[in-house]
Amino acid sequence: MDAFLDKFRSQQYRGRLHEDTWEQELDKIPMFMKEAPSEINPQENPDLACLQSLIFDDERPPEEQAKTYKDEGNDYFKDRDYKKAVAAYTEGLSKKCSDPTLSAVLLTNRAAAQYHLGNLRSALNDATAARKLRPSHLKAIVRGAICHLELRNFSEAVSWCDEGLRLDSKERKLLEIRAKADKLKRATERDVRKAKMKERKDEAQKGALLHAVQARNIQLVSPAAEEDEEEEPMSPRGGLGSENAIGARVSLDDHGRLSWPTLFLYPEYGQTDFISAFHEDSRFIDHLMVMFEELPPWDLERKYHPHHLELYFEDEDREEVYQVSQESTLLEALQHARYFVKAWMPAFLILVKQSPFCKNFLRGRKVHRLK
């Protein structure tokens, strides 16, 4: 015996910890590990791989394996590592244990992890599956009700709460969810009713506008009609809506008179003026007097005085230009046989009478001047 012991005294212990690296070496021993690696390499951590094989031994009953994965998932869930929790619960479900209660718990727990990951549909599917296995599983009902609430399925949320409250009428979470879901459901239904009323009102107004335009023999051209060369844009119902591209609307007042959003174009300087509500009985000169009471900053030559201006509209199909009297009303201009209102917004060209630009602009075009 003495000879045997002397043999070990003369040899160094191979498993000893080294003075400089003892902390790192200790961290490799499963019992003293501060954090387990996400992927276990049997070559680097043989002891840990051995323990893992003992824990997840496929020869154990499915129920034991499923419970082990459930406990592992719960640990991940407590650490807020929801992705790993979902993976653990999924492994547990894959064991297909015969205990419906355990399977329902795995599904409900996975639903909770999916919820925290923002996967509401997956969470709801798990809660629904858990209820099929165990209809009285209150946690599954709570989780499903929360998912329905987040998904704005307010009626379903109320229904799930009612079923859970039949099992426990004092369940605080279900009472809170039901109150919130019912309030939001009522608000949503009210908003839907208001939207339908507004839609009916808008349709009635649109019909009244179209009737008023038709009665005045004003010709509308919709954007779709402009693109379709075969369509003749002559119908007074050619427009599909009373709102143009920039959101301005034609309006009909209490006396049955129309006001139009209208553009004045100044091609010489590439400028425009927008009149949001040009009453059909107003004269052009009235607007021009207000607009040019002070000369605009882009009129460097100071020549845009109201009585020096001429108004025109273009007939693009015929490449012709028609002059409009300053004394005429908007309605009189719109009722011209060759005027087509595009996108519910009349537009008129404004040029300085006898100016070089005016002469050059009209050159080559057939001009229909006032008589």
Protein backbone atom coordinates (compact mmCIF):
# COMPACT_ATOMS: atom_id res chain seq x y z
CA MET A 1 0.00 0.00 0.00
CA ASP A 2 2.85 2.36 0.88
CA ALA A 3 4.45 1.67 -2.50
CA PHE A 4 1.14 2.34 -4.23
CA LEU A 5 0.70 5.69 -2.45
CA ASP A 6 4.30 6.66 -3.13
CA LYS A 7 3.58 6.18 -6.81
CA PHE A 8 0.89 8.92 -6.72
CA ARG A 9 3.05 11.23 -4.59
CA SER A 10 5.64 11.26 -7.33
CA GLN A 11 3.07 12.11 -10.06
CA GLN A 12 1.05 15.32 -10.48
CA TYR A 13 -2.77 15.08 -10.36
CA ARG A 14 -3.91 15.47 -13.91
CA GLY A 15 -7.35 16.83 -13.05
CA ARG A 16 -6.15 19.62 -10.82
CA LEU A 17 -7.05 23.28 -11.39
CA HIS A 18 -4.23 25.57 -12.43
CA GLU A 19 -3.50 28.66 -10.39
CA ASP A 20 -3.77 31.13 -13.30
CA THR A 21 -6.80 29.67 -15.09
CA TRP A 22 -8.82 28.04 -12.33
CA GLU A 23 -11.88 30.30 -12.86
CA GLN A 24 -12.17 29.45 -16.56
CA GLU A 25 -11.62 25.75 -15.84
CA LEU A 26 -14.24 25.76 -13.08
CA ASP A 27 -16.76 27.36 -15.44
CA LYS A 28 -16.47 24.30 -17.69
CA ILE A 29 -17.73 21.96 -14.93
CA PRO A 30 -21.55 21.62 -15.25
CA MET A 31 -22.14 22.01 -11.51
CA PHE A 32 -20.31 25.34 -11.38
CA MET A 33 -21.31 26.80 -14.76
CA LYS A 34 -22.69 30.33 -14.57
CA GLU A 35 -24.40 29.99 -17.95
CA ALA A 36 -24.92 26.94 -20.15
CA PRO A 37 -23.86 27.23 -23.81
CA SER A 38 -26.69 27.54 -26.34
CA GLU A 39 -25.15 24.72 -28.43
CA ILE A 40 -23.46 21.84 -26.62
CA ASN A 41 -20.42 20.37 -28.39
CA PRO A 42 -19.68 16.85 -27.05
CA GLN A 43 -15.98 17.32 -27.87
CA GLU A 44 -15.65 20.55 -25.87
CA ASN A 45 -18.17 19.77 -23.08
CA PRO A 46 -18.37 15.98 -22.75
CA ASP A 47 -19.71 16.15 -19.18
CA LEU A 48 -22.51 18.53 -20.15
CA ALA A 49 -23.38 16.44 -23.21
CA CYS A 50 -23.60 13.38 -20.99
CA LEU A 51 -25.97 15.14 -18.58
CA GLN A 52 -28.09 16.34 -21.49
CA SER A 53 -28.40 12.82 -22.83
CA LEU A 54 -29.54 11.68 -19.38
CA ILE A 55 -32.14 14.44 -19.16
CA PHE A 56 -33.53 13.95 -22.67
CA ASP A 57 -33.26 10.20 -22.88
CA ASP A 58 -35.60 9.05 -25.65
CA GLU A 59 -36.11 5.78 -23.80
CA ARG A 60 -38.03 7.55 -21.05
CA PRO A 61 -41.86 7.72 -21.28
CA PRO A 62 -43.18 10.54 -23.54
CA GLU A 63 -44.90 12.16 -20.56
CA GLU A 64 -41.59 12.49 -18.68
CA GLN A 65 -39.84 13.89 -21.72
CA ALA A 66 -42.67 16.37 -22.38
CA LYS A 67 -42.59 17.51 -18.74
CA THR A 68 -38.82 18.02 -18.92
CA TYR A 69 -39.20 20.22 -21.97
CA LYS A 70 -42.05 22.09 -20.29
CA ASP A 71 -39.83 22.86 -17.28
CA GLU A 72 -37.02 23.92 -19.58
CA GLY A 73 -39.40 26.20 -21.49
CA ASN A 74 -40.63 27.70 -18.21
CA ASP A 75 -37.06 28.54 -17.23
CA TYR A 76 -36.48 30.25 -20.57
CA PHE A 77 -39.79 32.09 -20.18
CA LYS A 78 -38.76 33.41 -16.75
CA ASP A 79 -35.54 34.68 -18.33
CA ARG A 80 -37.64 36.33 -21.07
CA ASP A 81 -35.93 34.25 -23.74
CA TYR A 82 -39.22 33.64 -25.52
CA LYS A 83 -37.76 32.15 -28.71
CA LYS A 84 -36.04 29.38 -26.78
CA ALA A 85 -39.17 28.93 -24.68
CA VAL A 86 -41.22 28.38 -27.86
CA ALA A 87 -38.63 25.86 -29.09
CA ALA A 88 -38.72 23.95 -25.78
CA TYR A 89 -42.52 23.79 -25.63
CA THR A 90 -42.59 22.68 -29.27
CA GLU A 91 -40.17 19.84 -28.48
CA GLY A 92 -42.40 18.83 -25.60
CA LEU A 93 -45.46 18.72 -27.85
CA SER A 94 -43.56 16.67 -30.41
CA LYS A 95 -43.35 13.82 -27.87
CA LYS A 96 -47.11 13.31 -28.30
CA CYS A 97 -47.75 12.34 -24.72
CA SER A 98 -51.11 10.82 -23.83
CA ASP A 99 -51.82 13.31 -21.02
CA PRO A 100 -54.23 15.95 -22.48
CA THR A 101 -53.70 18.22 -19.46
CA LEU A 102 -49.93 18.34 -19.98
CA SER A 103 -50.38 18.94 -23.72
CA ALA A 104 -52.86 21.75 -22.97
CA VAL A 105 -50.35 23.35 -20.58
CA LEU A 106 -47.59 23.13 -23.21
CA LEU A 107 -49.86 24.76 -25.78
CA THR A 108 -50.97 27.49 -23.38
CA ASN A 109 -47.39 28.23 -22.32
CA ARG A 110 -46.27 28.36 -25.93
CA ALA A 111 -49.18 30.71 -26.64
CA ALA A 112 -47.88 33.01 -23.90
CA ALA A 113 -44.36 32.97 -25.38
CA GLN A 114 -45.69 33.59 -28.89
CA TYR A 115 -47.73 36.51 -27.56
CA HIS A 116 -44.61 38.15 -26.11
CA LEU A 117 -42.90 37.69 -29.47
CA GLY A 118 -45.77 39.51 -31.16
CA ASN A 119 -47.02 36.38 -32.97
CA LEU A 120 -50.67 36.94 -32.07
CA ARG A 121 -52.16 34.56 -34.65
CA SER A 122 -49.87 31.71 -33.57
CA ALA A 123 -50.66 32.46 -29.92
CA LEU A 124 -54.39 32.37 -30.64
CA ASN A 125 -54.05 29.08 -32.55
CA ASP A 126 -52.26 27.51 -29.56
CA ALA A 127 -54.87 28.78 -27.10
CA THR A 128 -57.64 27.38 -29.31
CA ALA A 129 -55.89 24.01 -29.57
CA ALA A 130 -55.42 23.93 -25.78
CA ARG A 131 -59.14 24.50 -25.26
CA LYS A 132 -59.98 21.60 -27.55
CA LEU A 133 -57.87 19.32 -25.37
CA ARG A 134 -59.11 20.79 -22.12
CA PRO A 135 -62.17 23.08 -22.44
CA SER A 136 -61.99 24.14 -18.79
CA HIS A 137 -58.35 25.28 -18.95
CA LEU A 138 -58.83 28.84 -17.71
CA LYS A 139 -55.33 30.06 -18.61
CA ALA A 140 -55.91 29.07 -22.24
CA ILE A 141 -59.19 31.00 -22.25
CA VAL A 142 -57.50 34.09 -20.77
CA ARG A 143 -54.67 33.90 -23.29
CA GLY A 144 -57.10 33.49 -26.21
CA ALA A 145 -59.25 36.40 -25.02
CA ILE A 146 -56.18 38.65 -24.82
CA CYS A 147 -55.17 37.66 -28.36
CA HIS A 148 -58.63 38.39 -29.73
CA LEU A 149 -58.56 41.78 -28.00
CA GLU A 150 -55.16 42.65 -29.49
CA LEU A 151 -56.34 41.49 -32.92
CA ARG A 152 -59.41 43.76 -32.55
CA ASN A 153 -61.77 40.78 -32.69
CA PHE A 154 -63.87 42.39 -29.98
CA SER A 155 -66.95 40.17 -30.30
CA GLU A 156 -64.81 37.02 -30.06
CA ALA A 157 -62.94 38.45 -27.07
CA VAL A 158 -66.22 39.06 -25.25
CA SER A 159 -67.39 35.54 -26.13
CA TRP A 160 -64.21 33.93 -24.79
CA CYS A 161 -64.47 35.99 -21.59
CA ASP A 162 -68.09 34.95 -21.08
CA GLU A 163 -67.13 31.27 -21.42
CA GLY A 164 -64.30 31.70 -18.93
CA LEU A 165 -66.47 33.61 -16.47
CA ARG A 166 -68.93 30.72 -16.47
CA LEU A 167 -66.07 28.67 -15.01
CA ASP A 168 -64.92 31.39 -12.59
CA SER A 169 -67.17 34.43 -12.32
CA LYS A 170 -64.58 36.32 -10.27
CA GLU A 171 -61.58 35.88 -12.58
CA ARG A 172 -60.16 39.41 -12.47
CA LYS A 173 -58.25 39.26 -15.76
CA LEU A 174 -61.28 38.08 -17.71
CA LEU A 175 -63.46 40.78 -16.15
CA GLU A 176 -60.94 43.44 -17.21
CA ILE A 177 -60.60 42.08 -20.75
CA ARG A 178 -64.35 41.80 -21.19
CA ALA A 179 -65.00 45.37 -20.04
CA LYS A 180 -62.33 46.73 -22.41
CA ALA A 181 -63.42 44.56 -25.35
CA ASP A 182 -67.09 45.48 -24.89
CA LYS A 183 -66.25 49.19 -24.78
CA LEU A 184 -64.13 48.97 -27.93
CA LYS A 185 -66.77 46.85 -29.64
CA ARG A 186 -69.43 49.48 -29.01
CA ALA A 187 -67.10 52.25 -30.20
CA THR A 188 -66.26 50.30 -33.37
CA GLU A 189 -69.92 49.63 -34.12
CA ARG A 190 -70.67 53.33 -33.60
CA ASP A 191 -67.84 54.28 -35.97
CA VAL A 192 -69.15 51.83 -38.57
CA ARG A 193 -72.63 53.33 -38.32
CA LYS A 194 -71.19 56.84 -38.69
CA ALA A 195 -69.12 55.76 -41.68
CA LYS A 196 -72.18 54.24 -43.36
CA MET A 197 -74.22 57.36 -42.70
CA LYS A 198 -71.44 59.52 -44.13
CA GLU A 199 -71.18 57.25 -47.15
CA ARG A 200 -74.92 57.53 -47.78
CA LYS A 201 -74.72 61.29 -47.33
CA ASP A 202 -71.75 61.55 -49.69
CA GLU A 203 -73.56 59.45 -52.29
CA ALA A 204 -76.64 61.66 -52.00
CA GLN A 205 -74.49 64.79 -52.37
CA LYS A 206 -72.66 63.29 -55.33
CA GLY A 207 -75.98 62.45 -56.97
CA ALA A 208 -77.24 65.97 -56.37
CA LEU A 209 -74.04 67.44 -57.84
CA LEU A 210 -74.23 65.25 -60.94
CA HIS A 211 -77.88 66.18 -61.38
CA ALA A 212 -77.02 69.90 -61.04
CA VAL A 213 -74.17 69.61 -63.56
CA GLN A 214 -76.35 67.68 -65.99
CA ALA A 215 -79.12 70.25 -65.69
CA ARG A 216 -76.61 72.95 -66.68
CA ASN A 217 -75.28 70.97 -69.67
CA ILE A 218 -71.75 71.15 -68.29
CA GLN A 219 -69.47 68.51 -69.76
CA LEU A 220 -67.18 66.56 -67.41
CA VAL A 221 -64.11 64.56 -68.32
CA SER A 222 -62.74 61.99 -65.87
CA PRO A 223 -59.00 61.13 -65.84
CA ALA A 224 -59.88 57.63 -67.10
CA ALA A 225 -61.72 59.10 -70.07
CA GLU A 226 -58.67 61.20 -70.99
CA GLU A 227 -56.51 58.09 -71.21
CA ASP A 228 -59.06 56.18 -73.28
CA GLU A 229 -58.90 57.68 -76.76
CA GLU A 230 -61.94 55.73 -77.94
CA GLU A 231 -64.22 57.16 -75.26
CA GLU A 232 -66.00 60.34 -76.27
CA PRO A 233 -65.81 62.70 -73.25
CA MET A 234 -69.14 64.38 -73.92
CA SER A 235 -71.32 62.91 -71.20
CA PRO A 236 -72.35 65.21 -68.36
CA ARG A 237 -71.78 62.18 -66.15
CA GLY A 238 -68.24 61.61 -67.35
CA GLY A 239 -66.78 62.44 -63.91
CA LEU A 240 -66.72 59.68 -61.29
CA GLY A 241 -66.50 61.88 -58.20
CA SER A 242 -66.80 65.48 -57.06
CA GLU A 243 -63.27 65.62 -55.64
CA ASN A 244 -60.23 66.43 -57.75
CA ALA A 245 -56.62 65.32 -57.40
CA ILE A 246 -55.71 67.90 -54.74
CA GLY A 247 -58.74 67.20 -52.56
CA ALA A 248 -60.85 70.27 -53.43
CA ARG A 249 -64.55 69.65 -53.93
CA VAL A 250 -67.36 71.10 -55.96
CA SER A 251 -70.10 72.25 -53.60
CA LEU A 252 -73.82 72.86 -53.91
CA ASP A 253 -75.26 75.54 -51.65
CA ASP A 254 -78.71 75.74 -50.08
CA HIS A 255 -79.99 77.70 -53.07
CA GLY A 256 -78.92 75.01 -55.53
CA ARG A 257 -75.96 76.99 -56.88
CA LEU A 258 -72.55 75.47 -57.59
CA SER A 259 -69.07 76.58 -56.52
CA TRP A 260 -66.02 75.14 -58.27
CA PRO A 261 -62.33 74.83 -57.35
CA THR A 262 -60.72 76.70 -60.24
CA LEU A 263 -57.22 77.20 -61.62
CA PHE A 264 -55.86 80.35 -63.30
CA LEU A 265 -52.73 79.58 -65.31
CA TYR A 266 -50.07 82.14 -66.23
CA PRO A 267 -47.95 80.33 -68.86
CA GLU A 268 -45.62 83.31 -69.38
CA TYR A 269 -44.17 82.85 -65.89
CA GLY A 270 -45.19 79.26 -65.14
CA GLN A 271 -47.35 80.47 -62.23
CA THR A 272 -50.85 79.50 -61.07
CA ASP A 273 -53.59 80.81 -58.81
CA PHE A 274 -56.03 78.46 -57.12
CA ILE A 275 -59.54 79.57 -56.22
CA SER A 276 -61.02 77.01 -53.84
CA ALA A 277 -64.66 78.08 -54.33
CA PHE A 278 -65.46 80.06 -57.50
CA HIS A 279 -69.24 80.63 -57.36
CA GLU A 280 -70.84 79.92 -60.72
CA ASP A 281 -72.63 83.31 -60.72
CA SER A 282 -69.41 85.27 -60.02
CA ARG A 283 -67.72 87.15 -62.88
CA PHE A 284 -64.10 86.64 -63.82
CA ILE A 285 -63.37 90.36 -63.51
CA ASP A 286 -64.47 90.32 -59.86
CA HIS A 287 -61.81 87.74 -59.02
CA LEU A 288 -59.16 89.43 -61.14
CA MET A 289 -59.72 92.77 -59.41
CA VAL A 290 -59.12 91.17 -56.02
CA MET A 291 -56.21 89.00 -57.12
CA PHE A 292 -54.33 91.80 -58.88
CA GLU A 293 -55.16 94.60 -56.47
CA GLU A 294 -51.44 94.33 -55.73
CA LEU A 295 -49.18 93.12 -58.52
CA PRO A 296 -47.62 89.71 -57.83
CA PRO A 297 -43.87 89.51 -57.09
CA TRP A 298 -43.23 87.40 -60.19
CA ASP A 299 -44.62 90.18 -62.46
CA LEU A 300 -41.26 91.90 -62.85
CA GLU A 301 -42.48 94.12 -65.71
CA ARG A 302 -45.54 95.27 -63.69
CA LYS A 303 -47.94 94.58 -66.54
CA TYR A 304 -50.57 92.23 -65.00
CA HIS A 305 -53.29 94.83 -64.45
CA PRO A 306 -56.84 93.39 -64.48
CA HIS A 307 -58.04 95.34 -67.53
CA HIS A 308 -54.92 94.43 -69.51
CA LEU A 309 -55.59 90.73 -69.20
CA GLU A 310 -57.28 88.24 -71.54
CA LEU A 311 -58.77 84.90 -70.54
CA TYR A 312 -58.80 81.75 -72.66
CA PHE A 313 -59.53 78.06 -72.44
CA GLU A 314 -58.02 75.35 -74.62
CA ASP A 315 -59.80 72.76 -76.71
CA GLU A 316 -56.96 70.24 -76.82
CA ASP A 317 -58.78 67.81 -79.14
CA ARG A 318 -58.98 70.43 -81.88
CA GLU A 319 -55.90 72.40 -80.80
CA GLU A 320 -58.03 75.52 -80.65
CA VAL A 321 -58.23 78.35 -78.12
CA TYR A 322 -61.40 80.20 -77.06
CA GLN A 323 -61.39 83.62 -75.49
CA VAL A 324 -63.58 84.22 -72.42
CA SER A 325 -65.03 87.62 -71.55
CA GLN A 326 -63.93 89.09 -68.24
CA GLU A 327 -67.54 90.17 -67.73
CA SER A 328 -68.92 86.64 -68.14
CA THR A 329 -69.71 84.39 -65.19
CA LEU A 330 -68.04 81.08 -64.54
CA LEU A 331 -71.29 79.28 -65.42
CA GLU A 332 -71.44 80.96 -68.83
CA ALA A 333 -67.88 79.81 -69.57
CA LEU A 334 -68.54 76.26 -68.41
CA GLN A 335 -71.67 76.00 -70.57
CA HIS A 336 -69.66 76.65 -73.75
CA ALA A 337 -70.14 73.81 -76.23
CA ARG A 338 -66.38 73.16 -76.43
CA TYR A 339 -65.53 73.46 -72.73
CA PHE A 340 -64.77 70.19 -70.91
CA VAL A 341 -64.20 70.26 -67.14
CA LYS A 342 -61.34 67.90 -66.30
CA ALA A 343 -61.21 66.18 -62.91
CA TRP A 344 -63.88 68.54 -61.53
CA MET A 345 -61.55 71.55 -61.76
CA PRO A 346 -62.05 74.25 -64.42
CA ALA A 347 -58.85 75.89 -65.68
CA PHE A 348 -58.29 79.09 -67.64
CA LEU A 349 -55.27 80.70 -69.27
CA ILE A 350 -54.50 84.34 -68.47
CA LEU A 351 -52.33 86.36 -70.86
CA VAL A 352 -51.40 90.03 -71.12
CA LYS A 353 -53.22 91.58 -74.05
CA GLN A 354 -51.03 92.24 -77.12
CA SER A 355 -47.84 91.29 -75.24
CA PRO A 356 -45.03 89.60 -77.20
CA PHE A 357 -45.53 86.43 -75.19
CA CYS A 358 -49.29 86.43 -75.87
CA LYS A 359 -48.74 86.80 -79.61
CA ASN A 360 -46.12 84.06 -79.66
CA PHE A 361 -48.22 81.74 -77.49
CA LEU A 362 -51.27 82.02 -79.75
CA ARG A 363 -49.30 81.80 -82.99
CA GLY A 364 -50.13 78.62 -84.91
CA ARG A 365 -53.35 78.03 -83.01
CA LYS A 366 -56.85 78.69 -84.17
CA VAL A 367 -58.14 81.39 -81.85
CA HIS A 368 -61.86 82.02 -81.38
CA ARG A 369 -62.06 85.61 -80.15
CA LEU A 370 -64.98 87.45 -78.68
CA LYS A 371 -67.22 89.29 -81.06
